[in-house]
């Protein structure tokens, strides 16, 4: 008989009855408690030499027993069958997000300058200072151009995509073109 087997068996003999009582009391079914007790024993045996190095084998055995109880309760949860005739939920897309299908078309209708600054700064994330530097502009001039380009894009989108706004100026909806 090897040392790890002897170590496990010594701890098991010392705590088996207490573990059995603990599991029987928690489960209310002596036979199910015996099954779970055997699982705890198998886990202890699998630990082998590591089990022998534990400071408190009793605490380890009870922790494994508690974890096994929790796992068993999780598996026994009652689940309701989902009927097959449940209607699918409508996917709700924020009105402003729904405008993305219109953005591509409207960009093509803008002037080359407006399209370039909006694509660079708003869609590609280029900093306005970097845009200004690459186009020989001051930061103030780049900001003004971007503001005017956005205003023209808004007017074009409102007209061509029939965008509607609420009292606070937020996009409420639009009519997509076919």
C-alpha atoms as a PDB file:
ATOM      1  CA  UNK A   1       0.000   0.000   0.000  1.00  0.00           C
ATOM      2  CA  UNK A   2       1.545   3.340  -1.066  1.00  0.00           C
ATOM      3  CA  UNK A   3       1.841   6.350   1.247  1.00  0.00           C
ATOM      4  CA  UNK A   4      -0.741   8.561  -0.512  1.00  0.00           C
ATOM      5  CA  UNK A   5      -3.350   5.777  -0.430  1.00  0.00           C
ATOM      6  CA  UNK A   6      -2.685   5.279   3.275  1.00  0.00           C
ATOM      7  CA  UNK A   7      -2.942   9.014   3.949  1.00  0.00           C
ATOM      8  CA  UNK A   8      -6.300   9.288   2.151  1.00  0.00           C
ATOM      9  CA  UNK A   9      -7.679   6.207   3.875  1.00  0.00           C
ATOM     10  CA  UNK A  10      -6.672   7.485   7.312  1.00  0.00           C
ATOM     11  CA  UNK A  11      -8.410  10.828   6.732  1.00  0.00           C
ATOM     12  CA  UNK A  12     -11.397   9.077   5.172  1.00  0.00           C
ATOM     13  CA  UNK A  13     -11.914   6.756   8.129  1.00  0.00           C
ATOM     14  CA  UNK A  14     -11.673   9.716  10.504  1.00  0.00           C
ATOM     15  CA  UNK A  15     -14.289  11.829   8.688  1.00  0.00           C
ATOM     16  CA  UNK A  16     -16.492   9.475   6.649  1.00  0.00           C
ATOM     17  CA  UNK A  17     -19.316   9.189   9.208  1.00  0.00           C
ATOM     18  CA  UNK A  18     -19.406  12.953   9.753  1.00  0.00           C
ATOM     19  CA  UNK A  19     -19.458  13.574   5.985  1.00  0.00           C
ATOM     20  CA  UNK A  20     -22.244  10.997   5.521  1.00  0.00           C
ATOM     21  CA  UNK A  21     -24.360  12.704   8.198  1.00  0.00           C
ATOM     22  CA  UNK A  22     -23.683  16.129   6.688  1.00  0.00           C
ATOM     23  CA  UNK A  23     -24.722  15.029   3.192  1.00  0.00           C
ATOM     24  CA  UNK A  24     -27.739  13.018   4.391  1.00  0.00           C
ATOM     25  CA  UNK A  25     -29.004  15.962   6.402  1.00  0.00           C
ATOM     26  CA  UNK A  26     -28.557  18.401   3.500  1.00  0.00           C
ATOM     27  CA  UNK A  27     -30.028  16.125   0.844  1.00  0.00           C
ATOM     28  CA  UNK A  28     -32.789  14.363   2.750  1.00  0.00           C
ATOM     29  CA  UNK A  29     -32.107  11.176   0.771  1.00  0.00           C
ATOM     30  CA  UNK A  30     -29.698   8.645   2.282  1.00  0.00           C
ATOM     31  CA  UNK A  31     -29.045   6.836  -1.024  1.00  0.00           C
ATOM     32  CA  UNK A  32     -28.291  10.042  -2.921  1.00  0.00           C
ATOM     33  CA  UNK A  33     -26.045  11.110  -0.041  1.00  0.00           C
ATOM     34  CA  UNK A  34     -24.126   7.809  -0.337  1.00  0.00           C
ATOM     35  CA  UNK A  35     -23.601   8.441  -4.058  1.00  0.00           C
ATOM     36  CA  UNK A  36     -22.280  11.923  -3.395  1.00  0.00           C
ATOM     37  CA  UNK A  37     -20.090  10.597  -0.579  1.00  0.00           C
ATOM     38  CA  UNK A  38     -18.477   8.197  -3.044  1.00  0.00           C
ATOM     39  CA  UNK A  39     -17.769  11.112  -5.420  1.00  0.00           C
ATOM     40  CA  UNK A  40     -15.976  12.922  -2.592  1.00  0.00           C
ATOM     41  CA  UNK A  41     -13.936   9.798  -1.844  1.00  0.00           C
ATOM     42  CA  UNK A  42     -12.950   9.417  -5.510  1.00  0.00           C
ATOM     43  CA  UNK A  43     -11.835  13.052  -5.650  1.00  0.00           C
ATOM     44  CA  UNK A  44      -9.722  12.537  -2.536  1.00  0.00           C
ATOM     45  CA  UNK A  45      -8.117   9.433  -4.054  1.00  0.00           C
ATOM     46  CA  UNK A  46      -7.348  11.340  -7.273  1.00  0.00           C
ATOM     47  CA  UNK A  47      -5.470  13.952  -5.237  1.00  0.00           C
ATOM     48  CA  UNK A  48      -2.983  11.274  -4.231  1.00  0.00           C
ATOM     49  CA  UNK A  49       0.178  12.714  -2.680  1.00  0.00           C
ATOM     50  CA  UNK A  50      -1.234  16.257  -2.803  1.00  0.00           C
ATOM     51  CA  UNK A  51      -3.939  15.165  -0.361  1.00  0.00           C
ATOM     52  CA  UNK A  52      -1.264  14.150   2.145  1.00  0.00           C
ATOM     53  CA  UNK A  53       0.279  17.626   2.052  1.00  0.00           C
ATOM     54  CA  UNK A  54      -2.990  19.333   3.076  1.00  0.00           C
ATOM     55  CA  UNK A  55      -2.919  21.066   6.445  1.00  0.00           C
ATOM     56  CA  UNK A  56      -6.565  20.266   7.164  1.00  0.00           C
ATOM     57  CA  UNK A  57      -7.884  17.238   5.298  1.00  0.00           C
ATOM     58  CA  UNK A  58     -11.267  17.502   7.067  1.00  0.00           C
ATOM     59  CA  UNK A  59     -11.822  21.047   5.768  1.00  0.00           C
ATOM     60  CA  UNK A  60     -10.829  19.929   2.257  1.00  0.00           C
ATOM     61  CA  UNK A  61     -13.262  16.979   2.344  1.00  0.00           C
ATOM     62  CA  UNK A  62     -16.128  19.169   3.529  1.00  0.00           C
ATOM     63  CA  UNK A  63     -15.363  21.810   0.914  1.00  0.00           C
ATOM     64  CA  UNK A  64     -15.462  19.168  -1.824  1.00  0.00           C
ATOM     65  CA  UNK A  65     -18.749  17.844  -0.372  1.00  0.00           C
ATOM     66  CA  UNK A  66     -20.261  21.357  -0.320  1.00  0.00           C
ATOM     67  CA  UNK A  67     -19.165  21.972  -3.920  1.00  0.00           C
ATOM     68  CA  UNK A  68     -20.664  18.642  -4.989  1.00  0.00           C
ATOM     69  CA  UNK A  69     -23.969  19.609  -3.322  1.00  0.00           C
ATOM     70  CA  UNK A  70     -24.005  22.955  -5.106  1.00  0.00           C
ATOM     71  CA  UNK A  71     -23.280  21.293  -8.454  1.00  0.00           C
ATOM     72  CA  UNK A  72     -26.058  18.773  -7.846  1.00  0.00           C
ATOM     73  CA  UNK A  73     -28.575  21.528  -7.012  1.00  0.00           C
ATOM     74  CA  UNK A  74     -27.599  23.481 -10.107  1.00  0.00           C
ATOM     75  CA  UNK A  75     -28.188  20.465 -12.295  1.00  0.00           C
ATOM     76  CA  UNK A  76     -31.590  19.772 -10.702  1.00  0.00           C
ATOM     77  CA  UNK A  77     -33.068  23.193 -11.463  1.00  0.00           C
ATOM     78  CA  UNK A  78     -36.465  23.024 -13.022  1.00  0.00           C
ATOM     79  CA  UNK A  79     -36.466  24.264 -16.571  1.00  0.00           C
ATOM     80  CA  UNK A  80     -39.538  25.248 -18.485  1.00  0.00           C
ATOM     81  CA  UNK A  81     -39.862  24.025 -22.035  1.00  0.00           C
ATOM     82  CA  UNK A  82     -39.938  26.888 -24.460  1.00  0.00           C
ATOM     83  CA  UNK A  83     -42.839  26.607 -26.879  1.00  0.00           C
ATOM     84  CA  UNK A  84     -41.868  26.631 -30.525  1.00  0.00           C
ATOM     85  CA  UNK A  85     -44.527  29.145 -31.521  1.00  0.00           C
ATOM     86  CA  UNK A  86     -43.082  32.132 -29.635  1.00  0.00           C
ATOM     87  CA  UNK A  87     -42.996  35.138 -31.931  1.00  0.00           C
ATOM     88  CA  UNK A  88     -39.561  36.590 -32.504  1.00  0.00           C
ATOM     89  CA  UNK A  89     -38.821  39.872 -30.819  1.00  0.00           C
ATOM     90  CA  UNK A  90     -38.569  42.833 -33.075  1.00  0.00           C
ATOM     91  CA  UNK A  91     -35.032  44.093 -33.138  1.00  0.00           C
ATOM     92  CA  UNK A  92     -35.047  47.704 -32.107  1.00  0.00           C
ATOM     93  CA  UNK A  93     -32.510  49.855 -33.849  1.00  0.00           C
ATOM     94  CA  UNK A  94     -32.095  53.408 -32.630  1.00  0.00           C
ATOM     95  CA  UNK A  95     -33.430  55.822 -35.258  1.00  0.00           C
ATOM     96  CA  UNK A  96     -30.081  57.554 -35.624  1.00  0.00           C
ATOM     97  CA  UNK A  97     -28.354  54.171 -36.179  1.00  0.00           C
ATOM     98  CA  UNK A  98     -30.883  53.299 -38.871  1.00  0.00           C
ATOM     99  CA  UNK A  99     -29.672  56.332 -40.816  1.00  0.00           C
ATOM    100  CA  UNK A 100     -26.398  54.555 -41.592  1.00  0.00           C
ATOM    101  CA  UNK A 101     -27.954  53.095 -44.756  1.00  0.00           C
ATOM    102  CA  UNK A 102     -28.624  56.644 -45.947  1.00  0.00           C
ATOM    103  CA  UNK A 103     -25.189  58.068 -45.080  1.00  0.00           C
ATOM    104  CA  UNK A 104     -23.321  56.354 -47.918  1.00  0.00           C
ATOM    105  CA  UNK A 105     -25.715  57.658 -50.564  1.00  0.00           C
ATOM    106  CA  UNK A 106     -25.784  61.179 -49.155  1.00  0.00           C
ATOM    107  CA  UNK A 107     -21.976  61.346 -48.956  1.00  0.00           C
ATOM    108  CA  UNK A 108     -21.829  60.690 -52.700  1.00  0.00           C
ATOM    109  CA  UNK A 109     -24.161  63.641 -53.294  1.00  0.00           C
ATOM    110  CA  UNK A 110     -21.951  66.105 -51.388  1.00  0.00           C
ATOM    111  CA  UNK A 111     -19.140  68.119 -52.938  1.00  0.00           C
ATOM    112  CA  UNK A 112     -15.707  66.489 -52.985  1.00  0.00           C
ATOM    113  CA  UNK A 113     -14.449  68.851 -50.260  1.00  0.00           C
ATOM    114  CA  UNK A 114     -17.390  68.212 -47.939  1.00  0.00           C
ATOM    115  CA  UNK A 115     -17.195  64.467 -48.517  1.00  0.00           C
ATOM    116  CA  UNK A 116     -13.425  64.429 -47.860  1.00  0.00           C
ATOM    117  CA  UNK A 117     -13.521  66.290 -44.541  1.00  0.00           C
ATOM    118  CA  UNK A 118     -16.510  64.293 -43.230  1.00  0.00           C
ATOM    119  CA  UNK A 119     -14.973  60.975 -44.244  1.00  0.00           C
ATOM    120  CA  UNK A 120     -11.580  61.876 -42.799  1.00  0.00           C
ATOM    121  CA  UNK A 121     -12.633  63.479 -39.511  1.00  0.00           C
ATOM    122  CA  UNK A 122     -15.987  61.866 -38.710  1.00  0.00           C
ATOM    123  CA  UNK A 123     -15.791  58.425 -40.279  1.00  0.00           C
ATOM    124  CA  UNK A 124     -12.052  57.664 -40.180  1.00  0.00           C
ATOM    125  CA  UNK A 125     -11.354  59.403 -36.867  1.00  0.00           C
ATOM    126  CA  UNK A 126      -8.599  61.721 -38.109  1.00  0.00           C
ATOM    127  CA  UNK A 127      -8.026  64.551 -35.627  1.00  0.00           C
ATOM    128  CA  UNK A 128      -9.054  67.953 -36.916  1.00  0.00           C
ATOM    129  CA  UNK A 129      -5.537  69.295 -36.279  1.00  0.00           C
ATOM    130  CA  UNK A 130      -4.034  66.477 -38.362  1.00  0.00           C
ATOM    131  CA  UNK A 131      -6.533  67.181 -41.143  1.00  0.00           C
ATOM    132  CA  UNK A 132      -5.699  70.891 -41.005  1.00  0.00           C
ATOM    133  CA  UNK A 133      -1.949  70.160 -41.167  1.00  0.00           C
ATOM    134  CA  UNK A 134      -2.282  67.771 -44.103  1.00  0.00           C
ATOM    135  CA  UNK A 135      -4.410  70.245 -46.087  1.00  0.00           C
ATOM    136  CA  UNK A 136      -2.442  73.418 -45.291  1.00  0.00           C
ATOM    137  CA  UNK A 137      -5.221  74.875 -43.129  1.00  0.00           C
ATOM    138  CA  UNK A 138      -5.345  76.427 -39.696  1.00  0.00           C
ATOM    139  CA  UNK A 139      -7.201  74.462 -37.042  1.00  0.00           C
ATOM    140  CA  UNK A 140      -9.870  77.150 -36.994  1.00  0.00           C
ATOM    141  CA  UNK A 141     -10.377  76.886 -40.767  1.00  0.00           C
ATOM    142  CA  UNK A 142     -10.624  73.064 -40.579  1.00  0.00           C
ATOM    143  CA  UNK A 143     -13.226  73.302 -37.806  1.00  0.00           C
ATOM    144  CA  UNK A 144     -15.269  75.794 -39.816  1.00  0.00           C
ATOM    145  CA  UNK A 145     -15.138  73.626 -42.942  1.00  0.00           C
ATOM    146  CA  UNK A 146     -16.175  70.548 -40.995  1.00  0.00           C
ATOM    147  CA  UNK A 147     -19.063  72.413 -39.344  1.00  0.00           C
ATOM    148  CA  UNK A 148     -20.341  73.706 -42.685  1.00  0.00           C
ATOM    149  CA  UNK A 149     -19.930  70.270 -44.324  1.00  0.00           C
ATOM    150  CA  UNK A 150     -21.914  68.656 -41.508  1.00  0.00           C
ATOM    151  CA  UNK A 151     -24.658  71.265 -41.877  1.00  0.00           C
ATOM    152  CA  UNK A 152     -24.909  70.620 -45.635  1.00  0.00           C
ATOM    153  CA  UNK A 153     -24.952  66.883 -45.035  1.00  0.00           C
ATOM    154  CA  UNK A 154     -27.757  67.277 -42.487  1.00  0.00           C
ATOM    155  CA  UNK A 155     -29.834  69.321 -44.938  1.00  0.00           C
ATOM    156  CA  UNK A 156     -29.236  66.763 -47.705  1.00  0.00           C
ATOM    157  CA  UNK A 157     -30.076  63.824 -45.444  1.00  0.00           C
ATOM    158  CA  UNK A 158     -33.187  65.552 -44.121  1.00  0.00           C
ATOM    159  CA  UNK A 159     -34.378  66.187 -47.656  1.00  0.00           C
ATOM    160  CA  UNK A 160     -33.329  62.951 -49.382  1.00  0.00           C
ATOM    161  CA  UNK A 161     -33.975  60.513 -46.532  1.00  0.00           C
ATOM    162  CA  UNK A 162     -36.965  62.373 -45.108  1.00  0.00           C
ATOM    163  CA  UNK A 163     -35.421  62.516 -41.639  1.00  0.00           C
ATOM    164  CA  UNK A 164     -37.718  63.670 -38.873  1.00  0.00           C
ATOM    165  CA  UNK A 165     -36.605  65.161 -35.560  1.00  0.00           C
ATOM    166  CA  UNK A 166     -38.225  65.368 -32.128  1.00  0.00           C
ATOM    167  CA  UNK A 167     -38.615  68.566 -30.054  1.00  0.00           C
ATOM    168  CA  UNK A 168     -35.043  68.252 -28.755  1.00  0.00           C
ATOM    169  CA  UNK A 169     -33.530  67.918 -32.226  1.00  0.00           C
ATOM    170  CA  UNK A 170     -32.855  64.182 -31.907  1.00  0.00           C
ATOM    171  CA  UNK A 171     -33.446  61.912 -34.902  1.00  0.00           C
ATOM    172  CA  UNK A 172     -36.889  60.380 -34.624  1.00  0.00           C
ATOM    173  CA  UNK A 173     -37.012  58.415 -37.840  1.00  0.00           C
ATOM    174  CA  UNK A 174     -36.558  58.472 -41.595  1.00  0.00           C
ATOM    175  CA  UNK A 175     -37.973  57.044 -44.787  1.00  0.00           C
ATOM    176  CA  UNK A 176     -35.348  55.010 -46.611  1.00  0.00           C
ATOM    177  CA  UNK A 177     -35.072  55.410 -50.343  1.00  0.00           C
ATOM    178  CA  UNK A 178     -35.430  52.325 -52.465  1.00  0.00           C
END
